[in-house]
C-alpha atoms as a PDB file:
ATOM      1  CA  MET A   1      24.074-100.065 -62.617  1.00  0.00           C
ATOM      2  CA  LEU A   2      22.513 -97.145 -61.737  1.00  0.00           C
ATOM      3  CA  ASN A   3      22.352 -93.575 -62.713  1.00  0.00           C
ATOM      4  CA  ALA A   4      20.985 -92.212 -59.510  1.00  0.00           C
ATOM      5  CA  VAL A   5      22.148 -94.431 -56.311  1.00  0.00           C
ATOM      6  CA  PRO A   6      21.337 -90.899 -54.716  1.00  0.00           C
ATOM      7  CA  SER A   7      17.545 -92.044 -54.724  1.00  0.00           C
ATOM      8  CA  PHE A   8      17.523 -94.492 -52.618  1.00  0.00           C
ATOM      9  CA  ALA A   9      18.526 -92.255 -49.590  1.00  0.00           C
ATOM     10  CA  GLY A  10      14.845 -91.076 -50.319  1.00  0.00           C
ATOM     11  CA  HIS A  11      13.312 -93.943 -49.873  1.00  0.00           C
ATOM     12  CA  GLY A  12      15.526 -95.733 -46.851  1.00  0.00           C
ATOM     13  CA  TYR A  13      18.364 -97.397 -48.796  1.00  0.00           C
ATOM     14  CA  GLY A  14      20.936 -94.582 -47.785  1.00  0.00           C
ATOM     15  CA  SER A  15      23.849 -93.807 -45.836  1.00  0.00           C
ATOM     16  CA  SER A  16      26.181 -91.331 -45.230  1.00  0.00           C
ATOM     17  CA  ILE A  17      28.984 -93.036 -45.013  1.00  0.00           C
ATOM     18  CA  LEU A  18      31.123 -92.351 -48.899  1.00  0.00           C
ATOM     19  CA  ARG A  19      31.010 -95.022 -51.232  1.00  0.00           C
ATOM     20  CA  THR A  20      31.011 -95.737 -54.917  1.00  0.00           C
ATOM     21  CA  PRO A  21      27.812 -96.575 -56.578  1.00  0.00           C
ATOM     22  CA  ARG A  22      28.436-100.452 -56.998  1.00  0.00           C
ATOM     23  CA  ASP A  23      29.410-100.493 -53.127  1.00  0.00           C
ATOM     24  CA  ALA A  24      25.737 -99.088 -52.193  1.00  0.00           C
ATOM     25  CA  GLU A  25      23.964-100.359 -54.884  1.00  0.00           C
ATOM     26  CA  TYR A  26      25.241-104.350 -53.066  1.00  0.00           C
ATOM     27  CA  GLU A  27      24.325-102.407 -48.949  1.00  0.00           C
ATOM     28  CA  VAL A  28      21.181-102.115 -50.940  1.00  0.00           C
ATOM     29  CA  PHE A  29      20.790-105.196 -52.284  1.00  0.00           C
ATOM     30  CA  SER A  30      22.301-106.746 -48.742  1.00  0.00           C
ATOM     31  CA  ARG A  31      20.235-105.609 -46.731  1.00  0.00           C
ATOM     32  CA  VAL A  32      16.912-105.846 -48.394  1.00  0.00           C
ATOM     33  CA  THR A  33      18.124-109.320 -49.225  1.00  0.00           C
ATOM     34  CA  ARG A  34      19.012-109.870 -45.120  1.00  0.00           C
ATOM     35  CA  MET A  35      15.151-109.131 -44.433  1.00  0.00           C
ATOM     36  CA  LEU A  36      13.937-111.324 -47.255  1.00  0.00           C
ATOM     37  CA  ARG A  37      16.028-113.946 -45.254  1.00  0.00           C
ATOM     38  CA  GLN A  38      15.344-113.419 -41.791  1.00  0.00           C
ATOM     39  CA  ALA A  39      11.700-112.952 -43.530  1.00  0.00           C
ATOM     40  CA  ALA A  40      11.807-117.114 -44.811  1.00  0.00           C
ATOM     41  CA  GLU A  41      12.831-118.258 -40.867  1.00  0.00           C
ATOM     42  CA  GLY A  42       9.652-117.413 -39.565  1.00  0.00           C
ATOM     43  CA  ASP A  43       5.747-117.626 -40.361  1.00  0.00           C
ATOM     44  CA  HIS A  44       4.144-116.602 -43.760  1.00  0.00           C
ATOM     45  CA  GLY A  45       3.142-112.750 -41.685  1.00  0.00           C
ATOM     46  CA  PRO A  46       4.534-109.323 -40.984  1.00  0.00           C
ATOM     47  CA  ASP A  47       7.875-109.665 -41.072  1.00  0.00           C
ATOM     48  CA  VAL A  48       7.449-111.556 -44.755  1.00  0.00           C
ATOM     49  CA  ILE A  49       5.037-108.766 -45.578  1.00  0.00           C
ATOM     50  CA  ALA A  50       7.303-105.724 -44.644  1.00  0.00           C
ATOM     51  CA  ALA A  51      10.103-108.222 -46.397  1.00  0.00           C
ATOM     52  CA  VAL A  52       8.757-108.258 -49.759  1.00  0.00           C
ATOM     53  CA  HIS A  53       7.715-104.654 -50.102  1.00  0.00           C
ATOM     54  CA  LYS A  54      10.860-103.811 -49.602  1.00  0.00           C
ATOM     55  CA  ASN A  55      12.185-105.692 -51.517  1.00  0.00           C
ATOM     56  CA  ASN A  56       9.321-104.877 -54.385  1.00  0.00           C
ATOM     57  CA  GLN A  57       9.956-101.201 -53.605  1.00  0.00           C
ATOM     58  CA  LEU A  58      13.645-101.548 -53.937  1.00  0.00           C
ATOM     59  CA  TRP A  59      13.082-103.967 -57.369  1.00  0.00           C
ATOM     60  CA  THR A  60      10.618-100.791 -58.958  1.00  0.00           C
ATOM     61  CA  ILE A  61      13.098 -97.911 -58.464  1.00  0.00           C
ATOM     62  CA  LEU A  62      16.213-100.605 -60.939  1.00  0.00           C
ATOM     63  CA  ALA A  63      13.328-100.696 -63.117  1.00  0.00           C
ATOM     64  CA  ALA A  64      12.872 -97.106 -63.178  1.00  0.00           C
ATOM     65  CA  ASP A  65      16.606 -96.050 -63.328  1.00  0.00           C
ATOM     66  CA  LEU A  66      17.264 -99.070 -66.173  1.00  0.00           C
ATOM     67  CA  ALA A  67      14.511 -97.186 -68.139  1.00  0.00           C
ATOM     68  CA  SER A  68      15.479 -94.327 -68.278  1.00  0.00           C
ATOM     69  CA  PRO A  69      17.702 -93.390 -71.020  1.00  0.00           C
ATOM     70  CA  GLY A  70      20.742 -91.954 -69.390  1.00  0.00           C
ATOM     71  CA  ASN A  71      21.053 -95.252 -68.099  1.00  0.00           C
ATOM     72  CA  GLY A  72      24.655 -95.911 -69.638  1.00  0.00           C
ATOM     73  CA  LEU A  73      24.685 -99.814 -69.619  1.00  0.00           C
ATOM     74  CA  PRO A  74      24.584-101.870 -72.065  1.00  0.00           C
ATOM     75  CA  ASP A  75      21.347-102.853 -74.059  1.00  0.00           C
ATOM     76  CA  PRO A  76      21.024-106.006 -73.313  1.00  0.00           C
ATOM     77  CA  VAL A  77      22.751-106.060 -70.047  1.00  0.00           C
ATOM     78  CA  ARG A  78      20.110-102.965 -69.339  1.00  0.00           C
ATOM     79  CA  ALA A  79      17.277-105.729 -70.999  1.00  0.00           C
ATOM     80  CA  GLY A  80      18.265-109.144 -68.479  1.00  0.00           C
ATOM     81  CA  LEU A  81      17.647-106.967 -65.449  1.00  0.00           C
ATOM     82  CA  LEU A  82      14.367-105.440 -66.651  1.00  0.00           C
ATOM     83  CA  SER A  83      13.202-109.120 -67.015  1.00  0.00           C
ATOM     84  CA  LEU A  84      14.296-110.242 -63.436  1.00  0.00           C
ATOM     85  CA  ALA A  85      13.045-106.794 -61.929  1.00  0.00           C
ATOM     86  CA  GLY A  86       9.501-108.360 -64.004  1.00  0.00           C
ATOM     87  CA  PHE A  87      10.259-111.548 -62.540  1.00  0.00           C
ATOM     88  CA  ALA A  88      10.860-110.600 -59.296  1.00  0.00           C
ATOM     89  CA  LEU A  89       7.380-107.561 -58.840  1.00  0.00           C
ATOM     90  CA  ARG A  90       5.818-110.585 -59.754  1.00  0.00           C
ATOM     91  CA  HIS A  91       7.408-112.810 -57.861  1.00  0.00           C
ATOM     92  CA  GLY A  92       6.776-110.426 -55.429  1.00  0.00           C
ATOM     93  CA  HIS A  93       2.743-109.779 -55.370  1.00  0.00           C
ATOM     94  CA  GLN A  94       2.440-113.618 -55.590  1.00  0.00           C
ATOM     95  CA  ALA A  95       4.628-113.661 -52.551  1.00  0.00           C
ATOM     96  CA  LEU A  96       2.429-111.154 -50.551  1.00  0.00           C
ATOM     97  CA  SER A  97      -0.854-113.204 -51.635  1.00  0.00           C
ATOM     98  CA  GLY A  98       0.933-116.292 -50.155  1.00  0.00           C
ATOM     99  CA  LYS A  99       0.690-118.371 -53.638  1.00  0.00           C
ATOM    100  CA  VAL A 100       4.396-118.942 -53.673  1.00  0.00           C
ATOM    101  CA  GLY A 101       7.245-118.994 -51.451  1.00  0.00           C
ATOM    102  CA  ILE A 102      10.699-115.667 -51.447  1.00  0.00           C
ATOM    103  CA  ALA A 103      13.359-118.164 -51.685  1.00  0.00           C
ATOM    104  CA  PRO A 104      13.701-117.738 -55.310  1.00  0.00           C
ATOM    105  CA  LEU A 105      14.059-113.006 -54.850  1.00  0.00           C
ATOM    106  CA  ILE A 106      17.178-114.546 -52.465  1.00  0.00           C
ATOM    107  CA  ASP A 107      18.789-116.041 -55.206  1.00  0.00           C
ATOM    108  CA  ILE A 108      18.288-113.338 -57.390  1.00  0.00           C
ATOM    109  CA  ASN A 109      18.772-110.753 -55.199  1.00  0.00           C
ATOM    110  CA  MET A 110      21.711-113.038 -54.487  1.00  0.00           C
ATOM    111  CA  ALA A 111      22.633-113.279 -58.242  1.00  0.00           C
ATOM    112  CA  VAL A 112      23.032-109.314 -58.318  1.00  0.00           C
ATOM    113  CA  MET A 113      24.890-109.155 -55.437  1.00  0.00           C
ATOM    114  CA  ARG A 114      27.629-111.826 -57.143  1.00  0.00           C
ATOM    115  CA  GLY A 115      27.565-109.786 -60.011  1.00  0.00           C
ATOM    116  CA  LEU A 116      27.989-106.760 -58.292  1.00  0.00           C
ATOM    117  CA  ARG A 117      31.122-108.470 -56.735  1.00  0.00           C
ATOM    118  CA  GLN A 118      32.689-108.739 -59.857  1.00  0.00           C
ATOM    119  CA  GLU A 119      35.568-106.607 -60.880  1.00  0.00           C
ATOM    120  CA  ALA A 120      34.796-104.707 -64.059  1.00  0.00           C
ATOM    121  CA  PRO A 121      37.088-106.360 -67.147  1.00  0.00           C
ATOM    122  CA  ALA A 122      40.129-103.813 -67.182  1.00  0.00           C
END
């Protein structure tokens, strides 16, 4: 999905274990989604704020990469993911203000994770 996977390392998402870019992307989504799920189990407080903030950071990085001319994804896929990024960021900001819940953010991330785990077509 991303050409700039190493950029995650500077944002607290990196790992010293060698993996494919797809594995690294999956791991980042897994960590952030785990934070969101744990926060959803509690009250609207510091854990929710931290999890949504981390999710917003993730989607901001993704959107920047998707919008870059060097991104190798097909245009329709990029457009769809950019649309998801826009929704995730808007919803995240509303969740930070307590207007909406975070379940849709978890659902979006889980869908992306499922897509990352699918085998590339032969």
